[in-house]
């Protein structure tokens, strides 16, 4: 599955997904724009590193929508075909969403902790200050995690931080209408 993160405006982005065997999806606009690391790009990275098979992107890879993506209309289909495909995708998505609740919650917690960790370890004074503002909530989020979840995240934080550095550098250099394409 190919996941494309596109900068669509000065403070806007979209996510486009190309899937084999399932309809393509989009979320445009996507929430959580950040000039350094958009929220959904961080979800992608965290879910990949933590091997969350039923998180947002795992559900999408299995034919769902994760409750937020929409079918991308095909140039070659008609309204009836599009409508039928939307219904099938929605039904499949509802089932996957139920089975993925735990992984999605874990992804949200890990995404917040990863952002806090990354900012806290940055070299920039402004970024460190941004991380410091997140500390109390990050501590509370960490306390909500099971011991297994904490251990798994702690094992991966340095690797996540390194990938965040690489992807942030790529993302922050994009001009409007340029994108980053990643494989799931």
C-alpha atoms as a PDB file:
ATOM      1  CA  UNK A   1       0.000   0.000   0.000  1.00  0.00           C
ATOM      2  CA  UNK A   2       1.306   3.428  -0.936  1.00  0.00           C
ATOM      3  CA  UNK A   3       0.548   6.344   1.409  1.00  0.00           C
ATOM      4  CA  UNK A   4       1.055   9.846   0.042  1.00  0.00           C
ATOM      5  CA  UNK A   5       1.263  12.870   2.337  1.00  0.00           C
ATOM      6  CA  UNK A   6       0.769  16.020   0.286  1.00  0.00           C
ATOM      7  CA  UNK A   7       1.188  19.613   1.374  1.00  0.00           C
ATOM      8  CA  UNK A   8      -1.940  21.213  -0.106  1.00  0.00           C
ATOM      9  CA  UNK A   9      -1.557  24.730   1.292  1.00  0.00           C
ATOM     10  CA  UNK A  10       0.599  26.804   3.579  1.00  0.00           C
ATOM     11  CA  UNK A  11      -1.014  25.181   6.630  1.00  0.00           C
ATOM     12  CA  UNK A  12      -2.903  22.264   5.059  1.00  0.00           C
ATOM     13  CA  UNK A  13      -2.174  18.743   3.977  1.00  0.00           C
ATOM     14  CA  UNK A  14      -3.940  15.692   2.616  1.00  0.00           C
ATOM     15  CA  UNK A  15      -3.342  11.947   2.746  1.00  0.00           C
ATOM     16  CA  UNK A  16      -3.943   9.801  -0.334  1.00  0.00           C
ATOM     17  CA  UNK A  17      -3.832   6.012  -0.221  1.00  0.00           C
ATOM     18  CA  UNK A  18      -3.358   3.668  -3.158  1.00  0.00           C
ATOM     19  CA  UNK A  19      -4.329   0.084  -2.350  1.00  0.00           C
ATOM     20  CA  UNK A  20      -4.163  -3.032  -4.443  1.00  0.00           C
ATOM     21  CA  UNK A  21      -7.423  -4.968  -4.406  1.00  0.00           C
ATOM     22  CA  UNK A  22      -9.344  -2.175  -2.681  1.00  0.00           C
ATOM     23  CA  UNK A  23     -10.479   1.292  -3.677  1.00  0.00           C
ATOM     24  CA  UNK A  24      -8.109   4.212  -3.223  1.00  0.00           C
ATOM     25  CA  UNK A  25      -8.795   6.514  -0.287  1.00  0.00           C
ATOM     26  CA  UNK A  26      -8.222  10.123   0.661  1.00  0.00           C
ATOM     27  CA  UNK A  27      -8.480  12.445   3.611  1.00  0.00           C
ATOM     28  CA  UNK A  28      -8.466  15.986   2.308  1.00  0.00           C
ATOM     29  CA  UNK A  29      -8.007  18.094   4.287  1.00  0.00           C
ATOM     30  CA  UNK A  30      -6.309  16.056   6.991  1.00  0.00           C
ATOM     31  CA  UNK A  31      -6.306  17.290  10.614  1.00  0.00           C
ATOM     32  CA  UNK A  32      -3.257  18.141  12.686  1.00  0.00           C
ATOM     33  CA  UNK A  33      -1.069  20.106  10.306  1.00  0.00           C
ATOM     34  CA  UNK A  34       2.393  20.736  11.669  1.00  0.00           C
ATOM     35  CA  UNK A  35       5.200  22.330   9.647  1.00  0.00           C
ATOM     36  CA  UNK A  36       7.622  19.709  10.990  1.00  0.00           C
ATOM     37  CA  UNK A  37       5.550  16.536  11.469  1.00  0.00           C
ATOM     38  CA  UNK A  38       1.853  16.267  10.517  1.00  0.00           C
ATOM     39  CA  UNK A  39      -0.229  14.162  12.893  1.00  0.00           C
ATOM     40  CA  UNK A  40      -1.130  11.461  10.378  1.00  0.00           C
ATOM     41  CA  UNK A  41       2.461  11.106   9.191  1.00  0.00           C
ATOM     42  CA  UNK A  42       3.473  10.500  12.795  1.00  0.00           C
ATOM     43  CA  UNK A  43       0.676   7.918  13.185  1.00  0.00           C
ATOM     44  CA  UNK A  44       2.000   6.132  10.101  1.00  0.00           C
ATOM     45  CA  UNK A  45       5.543   6.073  11.448  1.00  0.00           C
ATOM     46  CA  UNK A  46       4.567   4.997  14.993  1.00  0.00           C
ATOM     47  CA  UNK A  47       2.218   2.236  13.808  1.00  0.00           C
ATOM     48  CA  UNK A  48       4.863   0.920  11.435  1.00  0.00           C
ATOM     49  CA  UNK A  49       7.624   0.934  14.081  1.00  0.00           C
ATOM     50  CA  UNK A  50       5.409  -0.611  16.776  1.00  0.00           C
ATOM     51  CA  UNK A  51       3.955  -3.134  14.328  1.00  0.00           C
ATOM     52  CA  UNK A  52       0.358  -2.170  15.125  1.00  0.00           C
ATOM     53  CA  UNK A  53      -1.509  -4.337  12.612  1.00  0.00           C
ATOM     54  CA  UNK A  54      -4.977  -3.054  13.555  1.00  0.00           C
ATOM     55  CA  UNK A  55      -4.182   0.641  13.941  1.00  0.00           C
ATOM     56  CA  UNK A  56      -5.286   3.251  11.427  1.00  0.00           C
ATOM     57  CA  UNK A  57      -3.006   2.191   8.589  1.00  0.00           C
ATOM     58  CA  UNK A  58      -3.365  -1.530   9.279  1.00  0.00           C
ATOM     59  CA  UNK A  59      -7.130  -1.198   8.993  1.00  0.00           C
ATOM     60  CA  UNK A  60      -6.735   0.697   5.740  1.00  0.00           C
ATOM     61  CA  UNK A  61      -4.363  -1.936   4.358  1.00  0.00           C
ATOM     62  CA  UNK A  62      -7.035  -4.551   5.148  1.00  0.00           C
ATOM     63  CA  UNK A  63      -9.704  -2.694   3.194  1.00  0.00           C
ATOM     64  CA  UNK A  64     -11.183  -0.350   5.806  1.00  0.00           C
ATOM     65  CA  UNK A  65     -11.267   3.402   6.217  1.00  0.00           C
ATOM     66  CA  UNK A  66     -10.295   3.739   9.910  1.00  0.00           C
ATOM     67  CA  UNK A  67     -13.414   5.876  10.226  1.00  0.00           C
ATOM     68  CA  UNK A  68     -11.721   8.948   8.731  1.00  0.00           C
ATOM     69  CA  UNK A  69     -10.758   8.233   5.122  1.00  0.00           C
ATOM     70  CA  UNK A  70     -13.110   8.442   2.140  1.00  0.00           C
ATOM     71  CA  UNK A  71     -13.156   6.559  -1.126  1.00  0.00           C
ATOM     72  CA  UNK A  72     -11.402   8.496  -3.838  1.00  0.00           C
ATOM     73  CA  UNK A  73     -13.713   8.778  -6.827  1.00  0.00           C
ATOM     74  CA  UNK A  74     -12.478   7.005  -9.905  1.00  0.00           C
ATOM     75  CA  UNK A  75     -12.361   8.744 -13.265  1.00  0.00           C
ATOM     76  CA  UNK A  76     -13.529   5.535 -14.952  1.00  0.00           C
ATOM     77  CA  UNK A  77     -16.461   4.522 -12.777  1.00  0.00           C
ATOM     78  CA  UNK A  78     -20.018   5.740 -12.615  1.00  0.00           C
ATOM     79  CA  UNK A  79     -22.093   6.959  -9.670  1.00  0.00           C
ATOM     80  CA  UNK A  80     -23.692   3.539  -9.154  1.00  0.00           C
ATOM     81  CA  UNK A  81     -20.301   1.781  -9.009  1.00  0.00           C
ATOM     82  CA  UNK A  82     -18.890   4.449  -6.696  1.00  0.00           C
ATOM     83  CA  UNK A  83     -21.909   4.171  -4.399  1.00  0.00           C
ATOM     84  CA  UNK A  84     -21.652   0.366  -4.258  1.00  0.00           C
ATOM     85  CA  UNK A  85     -17.921   0.549  -3.506  1.00  0.00           C
ATOM     86  CA  UNK A  86     -18.473   3.151  -0.749  1.00  0.00           C
ATOM     87  CA  UNK A  87     -21.062   0.883   0.941  1.00  0.00           C
ATOM     88  CA  UNK A  88     -18.775  -2.179   0.775  1.00  0.00           C
ATOM     89  CA  UNK A  89     -15.831  -0.184   2.115  1.00  0.00           C
ATOM     90  CA  UNK A  90     -17.966   1.290   4.915  1.00  0.00           C
ATOM     91  CA  UNK A  91     -19.198  -2.157   6.010  1.00  0.00           C
ATOM     92  CA  UNK A  92     -15.697  -3.611   5.975  1.00  0.00           C
ATOM     93  CA  UNK A  93     -14.432  -0.489   7.759  1.00  0.00           C
ATOM     94  CA  UNK A  94     -16.968  -0.798  10.603  1.00  0.00           C
ATOM     95  CA  UNK A  95     -15.851  -4.359  11.333  1.00  0.00           C
ATOM     96  CA  UNK A  96     -12.176  -3.448  11.239  1.00  0.00           C
ATOM     97  CA  UNK A  97     -12.756  -0.388  13.414  1.00  0.00           C
ATOM     98  CA  UNK A  98     -14.271  -2.571  16.171  1.00  0.00           C
ATOM     99  CA  UNK A  99     -11.373  -5.022  16.141  1.00  0.00           C
ATOM    100  CA  UNK A 100      -8.825  -2.207  15.979  1.00  0.00           C
ATOM    101  CA  UNK A 101      -9.956  -0.141  18.956  1.00  0.00           C
ATOM    102  CA  UNK A 102      -7.049  -1.210  21.181  1.00  0.00           C
ATOM    103  CA  UNK A 103      -4.392  -0.660  18.519  1.00  0.00           C
ATOM    104  CA  UNK A 104      -5.876   2.741  17.626  1.00  0.00           C
ATOM    105  CA  UNK A 105      -5.841   3.823  21.270  1.00  0.00           C
ATOM    106  CA  UNK A 106      -2.273   2.574  21.612  1.00  0.00           C
ATOM    107  CA  UNK A 107      -1.347   4.473  18.445  1.00  0.00           C
ATOM    108  CA  UNK A 108      -2.788   7.719  19.854  1.00  0.00           C
ATOM    109  CA  UNK A 109      -0.854   7.324  23.102  1.00  0.00           C
ATOM    110  CA  UNK A 110       2.379   6.394  21.327  1.00  0.00           C
ATOM    111  CA  UNK A 111       2.019   9.263  18.854  1.00  0.00           C
ATOM    112  CA  UNK A 112       1.743  11.793  21.671  1.00  0.00           C
ATOM    113  CA  UNK A 113       4.666  10.305  23.609  1.00  0.00           C
ATOM    114  CA  UNK A 114       6.797  10.130  20.438  1.00  0.00           C
ATOM    115  CA  UNK A 115       6.156  13.796  19.615  1.00  0.00           C
ATOM    116  CA  UNK A 116       6.983  14.796  23.193  1.00  0.00           C
ATOM    117  CA  UNK A 117      10.160  12.681  23.142  1.00  0.00           C
ATOM    118  CA  UNK A 118      11.267  14.040  19.760  1.00  0.00           C
ATOM    119  CA  UNK A 119      10.735  17.667  20.744  1.00  0.00           C
ATOM    120  CA  UNK A 120      12.411  17.137  24.118  1.00  0.00           C
ATOM    121  CA  UNK A 121      15.521  15.753  22.412  1.00  0.00           C
ATOM    122  CA  UNK A 122      15.698  18.432  19.731  1.00  0.00           C
ATOM    123  CA  UNK A 123      18.502  20.969  19.481  1.00  0.00           C
ATOM    124  CA  UNK A 124      16.233  23.977  19.015  1.00  0.00           C
ATOM    125  CA  UNK A 125      15.233  26.083  22.003  1.00  0.00           C
ATOM    126  CA  UNK A 126      11.718  26.674  20.633  1.00  0.00           C
ATOM    127  CA  UNK A 127      11.199  22.961  19.985  1.00  0.00           C
ATOM    128  CA  UNK A 128      12.425  22.030  23.462  1.00  0.00           C
ATOM    129  CA  UNK A 129       9.995  24.593  24.917  1.00  0.00           C
ATOM    130  CA  UNK A 130       7.180  23.072  22.866  1.00  0.00           C
ATOM    131  CA  UNK A 131       8.124  19.669  24.293  1.00  0.00           C
ATOM    132  CA  UNK A 132       8.209  21.060  27.832  1.00  0.00           C
ATOM    133  CA  UNK A 133       4.615  22.275  27.388  1.00  0.00           C
ATOM    134  CA  UNK A 134       3.617  18.677  26.599  1.00  0.00           C
ATOM    135  CA  UNK A 135       5.346  17.093  29.616  1.00  0.00           C
ATOM    136  CA  UNK A 136       2.455  16.861  32.076  1.00  0.00           C
ATOM    137  CA  UNK A 137       0.083  15.369  29.520  1.00  0.00           C
ATOM    138  CA  UNK A 138       2.826  13.022  28.259  1.00  0.00           C
ATOM    139  CA  UNK A 139       3.468  11.826  31.827  1.00  0.00           C
ATOM    140  CA  UNK A 140      -0.253  11.207  32.329  1.00  0.00           C
ATOM    141  CA  UNK A 141      -0.493   9.378  29.010  1.00  0.00           C
ATOM    142  CA  UNK A 142       2.495   7.208  29.896  1.00  0.00           C
ATOM    143  CA  UNK A 143       0.864   6.266  33.223  1.00  0.00           C
ATOM    144  CA  UNK A 144      -2.219   5.018  31.350  1.00  0.00           C
ATOM    145  CA  UNK A 145      -0.145   2.453  29.464  1.00  0.00           C
ATOM    146  CA  UNK A 146       0.273  -1.158  30.482  1.00  0.00           C
ATOM    147  CA  UNK A 147       3.764  -2.291  31.423  1.00  0.00           C
ATOM    148  CA  UNK A 148       4.033  -4.245  28.163  1.00  0.00           C
ATOM    149  CA  UNK A 149       2.983  -1.227  26.103  1.00  0.00           C
ATOM    150  CA  UNK A 150       5.485   1.007  27.942  1.00  0.00           C
ATOM    151  CA  UNK A 151       8.315  -1.482  27.439  1.00  0.00           C
ATOM    152  CA  UNK A 152       7.543  -1.903  23.730  1.00  0.00           C
ATOM    153  CA  UNK A 153       7.414   1.866  23.168  1.00  0.00           C
ATOM    154  CA  UNK A 154      10.576   2.508  25.196  1.00  0.00           C
ATOM    155  CA  UNK A 155      12.448  -0.056  23.067  1.00  0.00           C
ATOM    156  CA  UNK A 156      11.459   1.795  19.903  1.00  0.00           C
ATOM    157  CA  UNK A 157      11.648   5.471  20.931  1.00  0.00           C
ATOM    158  CA  UNK A 158      15.173   6.092  19.648  1.00  0.00           C
ATOM    159  CA  UNK A 159      14.334   4.459  16.314  1.00  0.00           C
ATOM    160  CA  UNK A 160      11.085   6.459  16.091  1.00  0.00           C
ATOM    161  CA  UNK A 161      12.956   9.668  16.920  1.00  0.00           C
ATOM    162  CA  UNK A 162      15.517   8.975  14.175  1.00  0.00           C
ATOM    163  CA  UNK A 163      12.789   8.342  11.590  1.00  0.00           C
ATOM    164  CA  UNK A 164      11.007  11.498  12.743  1.00  0.00           C
ATOM    165  CA  UNK A 165      14.215  13.455  12.089  1.00  0.00           C
ATOM    166  CA  UNK A 166      14.456  12.033   8.572  1.00  0.00           C
ATOM    167  CA  UNK A 167      10.771  12.477   7.679  1.00  0.00           C
ATOM    168  CA  UNK A 168      10.553  15.915   9.264  1.00  0.00           C
ATOM    169  CA  UNK A 169      13.485  17.100   7.184  1.00  0.00           C
ATOM    170  CA  UNK A 170      11.795  15.819   4.032  1.00  0.00           C
ATOM    171  CA  UNK A 171       8.362  17.198   5.001  1.00  0.00           C
ATOM    172  CA  UNK A 172       9.556  20.660   6.004  1.00  0.00           C
ATOM    173  CA  UNK A 173      11.270  21.150   2.615  1.00  0.00           C
ATOM    174  CA  UNK A 174       8.090  20.466   0.620  1.00  0.00           C
ATOM    175  CA  UNK A 175       6.436  23.261  -1.308  1.00  0.00           C
ATOM    176  CA  UNK A 176       2.657  23.419  -1.763  1.00  0.00           C
ATOM    177  CA  UNK A 177       1.431  20.500  -3.938  1.00  0.00           C
ATOM    178  CA  UNK A 178       4.573  18.443  -3.305  1.00  0.00           C
ATOM    179  CA  UNK A 179       4.371  15.165  -1.419  1.00  0.00           C
ATOM    180  CA  UNK A 180       6.123  12.322   0.362  1.00  0.00           C
ATOM    181  CA  UNK A 181       5.209   8.784  -0.645  1.00  0.00           C
ATOM    182  CA  UNK A 182       5.728   5.900   1.810  1.00  0.00           C
ATOM    183  CA  UNK A 183       5.070   2.156   1.616  1.00  0.00           C
ATOM    184  CA  UNK A 184       3.100   0.321   4.292  1.00  0.00           C
END
